[in-house]
């Protein structure tokens, strides 16, 4: 897992303090506040059922509702779990998230990628169920997670050492042959080219105008590596140059202009999809966040906390926000669909007004 584990939007003490009175708890139940889930449970004496605060069931009369600090307390009072909100699954979900977190640490600390059987045995689960659970929580398979983490180690080692051979063994590759088979896929270029800031690498790019202002599209041999939005075309080009200071930048030709047209059409209407290969580069944690973002459909929004929960790191809200800010592929990785937990718009790499425009256009096109 990423070391960037941070507190959620509200400090834990502040969240706990918000539900210390029955009045506050009842208010949370009426609002079906999912942030209260896990803080307390409520039971209804007339039905003999206990629920989590966010349960969608019809509310009982206040005089029949009682609050409990734990599910054990609710069961001790003779209540059974609600079949609609399934509060008893909270503990199981937490166990699953912990098992996946341990597997991620196991992958990250291993010199060679553990087999699926080894990971499943460590989690105490069958191979099939573990594989399904890992992908459901992280958005990637164990092998994909391991390869993304190893790619991150490769990039770090290439920046640290002058010798590619040292970098590949430090990153966990047992042979140079296996490394060079995957090096271009991981780095978007040959190792020496990456190590020298893109030296010898050809990157095609074009700058144009779209409904959101200036747009820059750039691609390596692997696929589109940048979709940048802004007000000043020159600033976008400098951003690309800073990212690949020694690369050979090639202006758009007729073929690449067709790619530009596809991307611009996609920005104007993300619902149409983008049928172009992408060159997505990032840390293992960023890759997981971006995978989760790409699963959010047009016209929908999620919170940073939602994404953190989907990748199995519910406390890594700030790290999720940082991964969104590091995204170089506007709209293709739809970080504009991430909003605050109250639905308000938060920061966006290319400006909040562009974020608002994208969300409004998507909402209109998905009606």
Protein backbone atom coordinates (compact mmCIF):
# COMPACT_ATOMS: atom_id res chain seq x y z
CA UNK A 1 0.00 0.00 0.00
CA UNK A 2 1.09 3.57 -0.44
CA UNK A 3 2.81 5.16 2.53
CA UNK A 4 0.58 8.17 2.04
CA UNK A 5 -2.07 7.06 4.55
CA UNK A 6 -3.73 10.15 5.95
CA UNK A 7 -6.75 11.13 7.99
CA UNK A 8 -10.13 11.40 6.31
CA UNK A 9 -11.75 14.77 5.63
CA UNK A 10 -12.71 15.24 9.29
CA UNK A 11 -10.35 14.22 12.14
CA UNK A 12 -11.55 11.04 13.87
CA UNK A 13 -12.09 12.85 17.15
CA UNK A 14 -14.32 15.41 15.43
CA UNK A 15 -16.35 12.70 13.71
CA UNK A 16 -16.85 10.75 16.95
CA UNK A 17 -17.82 13.88 18.84
CA UNK A 18 -20.54 14.60 16.29
CA UNK A 19 -22.55 11.53 17.40
CA UNK A 20 -22.16 11.52 21.18
CA UNK A 21 -25.76 12.53 21.95
CA UNK A 22 -29.00 10.78 21.11
CA UNK A 23 -30.21 13.98 19.43
CA UNK A 24 -27.19 14.01 17.10
CA UNK A 25 -27.58 10.31 16.39
CA UNK A 26 -31.29 10.65 15.60
CA UNK A 27 -30.49 13.55 13.29
CA UNK A 28 -27.92 11.38 11.49
CA UNK A 29 -30.47 8.55 11.12
CA UNK A 30 -33.05 10.93 9.66
CA UNK A 31 -30.48 12.21 7.17
CA UNK A 32 -29.26 8.65 6.50
CA UNK A 33 -25.75 9.98 7.06
CA UNK A 34 -23.30 7.34 5.82
CA UNK A 35 -20.50 9.14 7.69
CA UNK A 36 -22.18 7.93 10.89
CA UNK A 37 -21.94 4.28 9.81
CA UNK A 38 -19.66 2.43 12.20
CA UNK A 39 -19.98 5.17 14.83
CA UNK A 40 -23.19 3.72 16.25
CA UNK A 41 -26.15 1.49 15.36
CA UNK A 42 -29.84 1.94 16.05
CA UNK A 43 -32.52 -0.57 16.89
CA UNK A 44 -36.32 -0.47 16.58
CA UNK A 45 -38.16 -2.08 19.48
CA UNK A 46 -41.35 -2.75 17.51
CA UNK A 47 -39.60 -4.77 14.79
CA UNK A 48 -36.71 -6.26 16.77
CA UNK A 49 -34.25 -5.13 14.09
CA UNK A 50 -31.06 -3.06 14.27
CA UNK A 51 -29.61 -1.02 11.39
CA UNK A 52 -26.74 1.18 10.42
CA UNK A 53 -27.52 4.97 10.37
CA UNK A 54 -27.61 5.15 6.57
CA UNK A 55 -30.20 2.38 6.21
CA UNK A 56 -32.65 3.30 3.41
CA UNK A 57 -35.61 1.67 5.18
CA UNK A 58 -38.59 3.76 6.25
CA UNK A 59 -37.92 5.50 9.58
CA UNK A 60 -39.66 4.29 12.72
CA UNK A 61 -41.16 6.63 15.29
CA UNK A 62 -38.52 8.19 17.51
CA UNK A 63 -39.99 6.65 20.67
CA UNK A 64 -39.32 3.15 19.32
CA UNK A 65 -35.69 3.86 18.37
CA UNK A 66 -32.72 3.08 20.63
CA UNK A 67 -29.01 3.61 19.98
CA UNK A 68 -26.12 1.21 20.53
CA UNK A 69 -22.36 1.71 20.59
CA UNK A 70 -21.71 -1.67 18.99
CA UNK A 71 -23.47 -4.44 17.13
CA UNK A 72 -22.77 -6.72 20.08
CA UNK A 73 -24.80 -4.37 22.29
CA UNK A 74 -27.67 -4.44 19.79
CA UNK A 75 -27.63 -8.24 19.63
CA UNK A 76 -27.46 -8.45 23.43
CA UNK A 77 -30.69 -6.44 23.49
CA UNK A 78 -32.34 -9.21 21.48
CA UNK A 79 -32.23 -7.46 18.08
CA UNK A 80 -31.38 -9.07 14.75
CA UNK A 81 -29.56 -7.48 11.79
CA UNK A 82 -31.55 -5.64 9.13
CA UNK A 83 -31.75 -7.60 5.87
CA UNK A 84 -31.76 -4.38 3.85
CA UNK A 85 -28.67 -2.50 5.08
CA UNK A 86 -26.91 -5.67 6.38
CA UNK A 87 -24.96 -4.04 9.22
CA UNK A 88 -23.28 -7.34 10.13
CA UNK A 89 -21.33 -7.12 6.86
CA UNK A 90 -19.38 -4.10 8.12
CA UNK A 91 -17.03 -6.35 10.07
CA UNK A 92 -16.58 -8.70 7.10
CA UNK A 93 -15.86 -5.79 4.75
CA UNK A 94 -13.25 -4.50 7.19
CA UNK A 95 -11.63 -7.95 7.37
CA UNK A 96 -11.54 -8.15 3.58
CA UNK A 97 -9.97 -4.68 3.30
CA UNK A 98 -7.32 -5.65 5.87
CA UNK A 99 -6.56 -8.88 3.99
CA UNK A 100 -6.09 -6.98 0.74
CA UNK A 101 -3.96 -4.34 2.48
CA UNK A 102 -1.70 -7.08 3.86
CA UNK A 103 -1.46 -8.61 0.38
CA UNK A 104 -0.43 -5.26 -1.08
CA UNK A 105 2.31 -4.89 1.54
CA UNK A 106 3.41 -8.45 0.80
CA UNK A 107 3.67 -7.63 -2.91
CA UNK A 108 5.55 -4.40 -2.25
CA UNK A 109 8.10 -5.95 0.12
CA UNK A 110 8.81 -9.08 -1.96
CA UNK A 111 11.86 -9.26 -4.19
CA UNK A 112 9.86 -11.27 -6.73
CA UNK A 113 6.11 -11.09 -7.27
CA UNK A 114 4.33 -13.64 -5.01
CA UNK A 115 2.11 -16.15 -6.78
CA UNK A 116 -1.66 -15.93 -6.52
CA UNK A 117 -1.63 -19.11 -4.42
CA UNK A 118 0.87 -17.59 -1.96
CA UNK A 119 -1.17 -14.41 -1.60
CA UNK A 120 -4.43 -16.31 -1.19
CA UNK A 121 -2.91 -18.67 1.41
CA UNK A 122 -1.61 -15.70 3.41
CA UNK A 123 -5.12 -14.21 3.37
CA UNK A 124 -6.72 -17.54 4.31
CA UNK A 125 -8.92 -17.52 1.20
CA UNK A 126 -9.28 -19.59 -1.95
CA UNK A 127 -7.37 -18.40 -4.99
CA UNK A 128 -10.54 -17.62 -6.93
CA UNK A 129 -12.21 -15.69 -4.11
CA UNK A 130 -9.04 -13.80 -3.21
CA UNK A 131 -8.48 -12.77 -6.84
CA UNK A 132 -12.11 -11.57 -7.11
CA UNK A 133 -11.89 -9.70 -3.78
CA UNK A 134 -8.54 -8.06 -4.58
CA UNK A 135 -9.78 -6.71 -7.91
CA UNK A 136 -13.10 -5.57 -6.40
CA UNK A 137 -11.30 -3.51 -3.73
CA UNK A 138 -8.28 -2.19 -5.65
CA UNK A 139 -9.62 -2.09 -9.20
CA UNK A 140 -6.69 -4.17 -10.50
CA UNK A 141 -5.59 -7.81 -10.26
CA UNK A 142 -2.75 -8.81 -7.90
CA UNK A 143 -0.42 -9.21 -10.91
CA UNK A 144 -1.37 -5.78 -12.29
CA UNK A 145 -0.80 -4.26 -8.88
CA UNK A 146 2.58 -5.94 -8.61
CA UNK A 147 3.64 -4.80 -12.06
CA UNK A 148 2.54 -1.22 -11.35
CA UNK A 149 4.52 -1.23 -8.11
CA UNK A 150 7.57 -2.66 -9.84
CA UNK A 151 7.27 -0.03 -12.57
CA UNK A 152 7.33 2.63 -9.86
CA UNK A 153 10.46 1.04 -8.39
CA UNK A 154 12.08 0.97 -11.83
CA UNK A 155 11.42 4.70 -12.34
CA UNK A 156 12.79 5.52 -8.89
CA UNK A 157 15.93 3.39 -9.39
CA UNK A 158 16.64 4.82 -12.85
CA UNK A 159 16.61 8.30 -11.32
CA UNK A 160 18.90 7.15 -8.50
CA UNK A 161 21.56 5.23 -10.41
CA UNK A 162 23.50 5.66 -13.65
CA UNK A 163 23.41 1.95 -14.39
CA UNK A 164 20.31 0.37 -15.88
CA UNK A 165 21.46 -3.10 -14.77
CA UNK A 166 21.58 -1.99 -11.13
CA UNK A 167 18.12 -0.43 -11.45
CA UNK A 168 16.49 -3.54 -12.91
CA UNK A 169 17.82 -5.87 -10.20
CA UNK A 170 16.93 -3.43 -7.42
CA UNK A 171 13.41 -3.29 -8.83
CA UNK A 172 13.03 -7.06 -8.53
CA UNK A 173 13.67 -8.30 -12.06
CA UNK A 174 15.51 -11.61 -12.03
CA UNK A 175 16.96 -11.18 -15.51
CA UNK A 176 17.68 -8.37 -17.93
CA UNK A 177 15.70 -10.19 -20.63
CA UNK A 178 12.46 -10.04 -18.62
CA UNK A 179 13.12 -6.40 -17.80
CA UNK A 180 13.67 -5.30 -21.40
CA UNK A 181 10.57 -7.21 -22.51
CA UNK A 182 8.47 -4.96 -20.28
CA UNK A 183 10.57 -1.78 -20.06
CA UNK A 184 8.89 0.14 -22.87
CA UNK A 185 5.43 -0.82 -21.60
CA UNK A 186 6.32 0.38 -18.09
CA UNK A 187 8.18 3.54 -19.00
CA UNK A 188 6.71 4.50 -22.37
CA UNK A 189 10.26 4.51 -23.75
CA UNK A 190 13.56 2.67 -23.48
CA UNK A 191 15.19 2.78 -20.01
CA UNK A 192 18.08 5.03 -21.05
CA UNK A 193 15.64 7.41 -22.65
CA UNK A 194 13.59 7.64 -19.48
CA UNK A 195 16.71 8.05 -17.37
CA UNK A 196 17.80 11.00 -19.54
CA UNK A 197 14.51 12.85 -19.44
CA UNK A 198 13.13 11.33 -22.62
CA UNK A 199 16.35 11.60 -24.63
CA UNK A 200 15.93 9.96 -28.01
CA UNK A 201 12.19 9.51 -27.52
CA UNK A 202 9.78 10.91 -30.09
CA UNK A 203 6.62 12.46 -28.67
CA UNK A 204 4.02 13.72 -31.12
CA UNK A 205 1.88 16.58 -29.91
CA UNK A 206 -0.62 19.11 -31.07
CA UNK A 207 -2.30 22.18 -29.57
CA UNK A 208 -5.79 23.30 -30.44
CA UNK A 209 -9.00 24.73 -29.06
CA UNK A 210 -11.94 22.93 -27.52
CA UNK A 211 -15.08 24.02 -25.66
CA UNK A 212 -12.99 24.38 -22.48
CA UNK A 213 -10.21 26.52 -23.95
CA UNK A 214 -6.74 25.51 -25.12
CA UNK A 215 -5.95 21.81 -25.28
CA UNK A 216 -2.69 19.91 -25.78
CA UNK A 217 -2.61 16.26 -26.76
CA UNK A 218 0.67 14.32 -26.76
CA UNK A 219 1.47 10.67 -27.48
CA UNK A 220 4.39 8.28 -27.30
CA UNK A 221 4.60 5.05 -29.27
CA UNK A 222 2.54 3.48 -26.47
CA UNK A 223 -0.40 5.87 -26.65
CA UNK A 224 -1.73 9.23 -25.49
CA UNK A 225 0.44 10.35 -22.56
CA UNK A 226 -0.95 13.85 -21.98
CA UNK A 227 -4.23 15.68 -22.37
CA UNK A 228 -3.75 19.13 -20.90
CA UNK A 229 -6.27 21.96 -20.63
CA UNK A 230 -5.65 25.65 -20.01
CA UNK A 231 -5.94 29.24 -21.18
CA UNK A 232 -2.49 29.67 -22.72
CA UNK A 233 -1.22 27.20 -25.37
CA UNK A 234 2.41 28.15 -24.69
CA UNK A 235 2.01 27.22 -21.02
CA UNK A 236 0.72 23.80 -22.00
CA UNK A 237 3.69 23.21 -24.30
CA UNK A 238 6.11 24.24 -21.53
CA UNK A 239 4.40 21.77 -19.21
CA UNK A 240 5.07 18.99 -21.72
CA UNK A 241 8.67 20.12 -22.20
CA UNK A 242 9.27 20.16 -18.43
CA UNK A 243 7.97 16.60 -18.16
CA UNK A 244 10.20 15.33 -20.99
CA UNK A 245 13.04 17.88 -21.17
CA UNK A 246 15.20 15.86 -23.55
CA UNK A 247 12.55 14.22 -25.71
CA UNK A 248 12.16 14.97 -29.41
CA UNK A 249 8.84 16.78 -29.68
CA UNK A 250 7.21 16.46 -33.09
CA UNK A 251 4.40 18.72 -34.21
CA UNK A 252 1.10 17.22 -35.29
CA UNK A 253 0.84 15.72 -38.77
CA UNK A 254 -2.34 14.73 -40.61
CA UNK A 255 -2.62 11.36 -38.83
CA UNK A 256 -2.11 12.88 -35.40
CA UNK A 257 -4.65 15.60 -36.15
CA UNK A 258 -7.22 12.79 -36.38
CA UNK A 259 -6.25 11.78 -32.85
CA UNK A 260 -6.61 15.42 -31.82
CA UNK A 261 -10.11 15.51 -33.29
CA UNK A 262 -11.10 12.37 -31.38
CA UNK A 263 -9.81 13.77 -28.09
CA UNK A 264 -11.53 17.14 -28.62
CA UNK A 265 -14.79 15.36 -29.43
CA UNK A 266 -14.35 13.27 -26.30
CA UNK A 267 -13.78 16.38 -24.16
CA UNK A 268 -16.95 17.91 -25.57
CA UNK A 269 -18.94 14.72 -24.90
CA UNK A 270 -17.19 12.15 -22.63
CA UNK A 271 -20.12 9.76 -23.00
CA UNK A 272 -18.93 8.83 -26.51
CA UNK A 273 -15.78 7.23 -25.11
CA UNK A 274 -12.20 7.48 -26.35
CA UNK A 275 -11.06 4.73 -28.73
CA UNK A 276 -7.36 5.53 -28.47
CA UNK A 277 -4.56 3.75 -26.58
CA UNK A 278 -3.38 5.49 -23.42
CA UNK A 279 0.13 5.69 -22.00
CA UNK A 280 -0.71 5.90 -18.28
CA UNK A 281 2.24 6.37 -15.95
CA UNK A 282 2.15 6.67 -12.20
CA UNK A 283 2.90 5.03 -8.89
CA UNK A 284 1.08 1.86 -7.87
CA UNK A 285 -1.20 3.94 -5.65
CA UNK A 286 -1.93 6.45 -8.42
CA UNK A 287 -2.68 3.63 -10.86
CA UNK A 288 -5.26 2.20 -8.45
CA UNK A 289 -6.91 5.59 -7.97
CA UNK A 290 -7.00 6.22 -11.72
CA UNK A 291 -8.43 2.75 -12.39
CA UNK A 292 -11.21 3.46 -9.89
CA UNK A 293 -11.89 6.85 -11.51
CA UNK A 294 -12.21 5.31 -14.96
CA UNK A 295 -14.97 3.06 -13.58
CA UNK A 296 -17.12 6.10 -12.65
CA UNK A 297 -19.67 6.53 -15.48
CA UNK A 298 -20.40 9.89 -17.17
CA UNK A 299 -23.09 11.84 -15.37
CA UNK A 300 -22.09 10.39 -11.99
CA UNK A 301 -19.93 11.82 -9.23
CA UNK A 302 -18.08 10.32 -6.28
CA UNK A 303 -16.28 11.78 -3.29
CA UNK A 304 -12.59 11.42 -2.49
CA UNK A 305 -13.69 9.22 0.42
CA UNK A 306 -15.65 7.00 -1.97
CA UNK A 307 -12.58 6.43 -4.13
CA UNK A 308 -10.41 5.81 -1.06
CA UNK A 309 -12.91 3.17 0.10
CA UNK A 310 -13.07 1.55 -3.34
CA UNK A 311 -9.31 0.99 -3.41
CA UNK A 312 -9.31 -0.42 0.12
CA UNK A 313 -7.70 2.57 1.85
CA UNK A 314 -10.59 4.50 3.44
CA UNK A 315 -8.28 6.82 5.37
CA UNK A 316 -6.20 7.84 2.33
CA UNK A 317 -8.53 10.65 1.29
CA UNK A 318 -5.79 13.25 0.93
CA UNK A 319 -3.58 10.82 -0.99
CA UNK A 320 -6.47 10.21 -3.39
CA UNK A 321 -6.77 13.97 -3.90
CA UNK A 322 -3.03 14.14 -4.63
CA UNK A 323 -3.34 11.34 -7.19
CA UNK A 324 -6.16 13.27 -8.88
CA UNK A 325 -3.95 16.37 -8.97
CA UNK A 326 -1.12 14.34 -10.58
CA UNK A 327 -3.34 13.20 -13.44
CA UNK A 328 -1.97 14.27 -16.85
CA UNK A 329 -4.85 12.86 -18.89
CA UNK A 330 -7.76 15.27 -18.51
CA UNK A 331 -11.19 13.64 -19.00
CA UNK A 332 -9.64 10.31 -20.11
CA UNK A 333 -8.97 9.76 -16.40
CA UNK A 334 -12.09 11.58 -15.16
CA UNK A 335 -10.88 13.20 -11.94
CA UNK A 336 -13.47 15.93 -12.62
CA UNK A 337 -16.10 13.47 -11.37
CA UNK A 338 -14.67 13.63 -7.84
CA UNK A 339 -16.44 16.10 -5.55
CA UNK A 340 -16.48 16.87 -1.85
CA UNK A 341 -18.55 14.61 0.41
CA UNK A 342 -21.24 17.32 0.54
CA UNK A 343 -21.41 17.43 -3.27
CA UNK A 344 -19.56 20.73 -3.58
CA UNK A 345 -16.84 21.26 -6.18
CA UNK A 346 -13.28 21.14 -4.93
CA UNK A 347 -9.98 21.87 -6.61
CA UNK A 348 -9.29 20.74 -10.15
CA UNK A 349 -5.94 20.74 -11.91
CA UNK A 350 -7.43 22.64 -14.86
CA UNK A 351 -9.72 24.98 -12.93
CA UNK A 352 -13.00 24.58 -11.04
CA UNK A 353 -14.98 26.31 -13.79
CA UNK A 354 -13.86 23.69 -16.31
CA UNK A 355 -14.83 21.00 -13.80
CA UNK A 356 -18.28 22.53 -13.44
CA UNK A 357 -18.67 22.77 -17.22
CA UNK A 358 -17.70 19.11 -17.70
CA UNK A 359 -20.12 17.91 -15.04
CA UNK A 360 -22.95 20.04 -16.37
CA UNK A 361 -22.35 18.79 -19.93
CA UNK A 362 -22.25 15.18 -18.77
CA UNK A 363 -25.43 15.58 -16.72
CA UNK A 364 -27.19 17.07 -19.75
CA UNK A 365 -25.98 14.37 -22.14
CA UNK A 366 -26.97 11.50 -19.84
CA UNK A 367 -30.56 12.65 -19.23
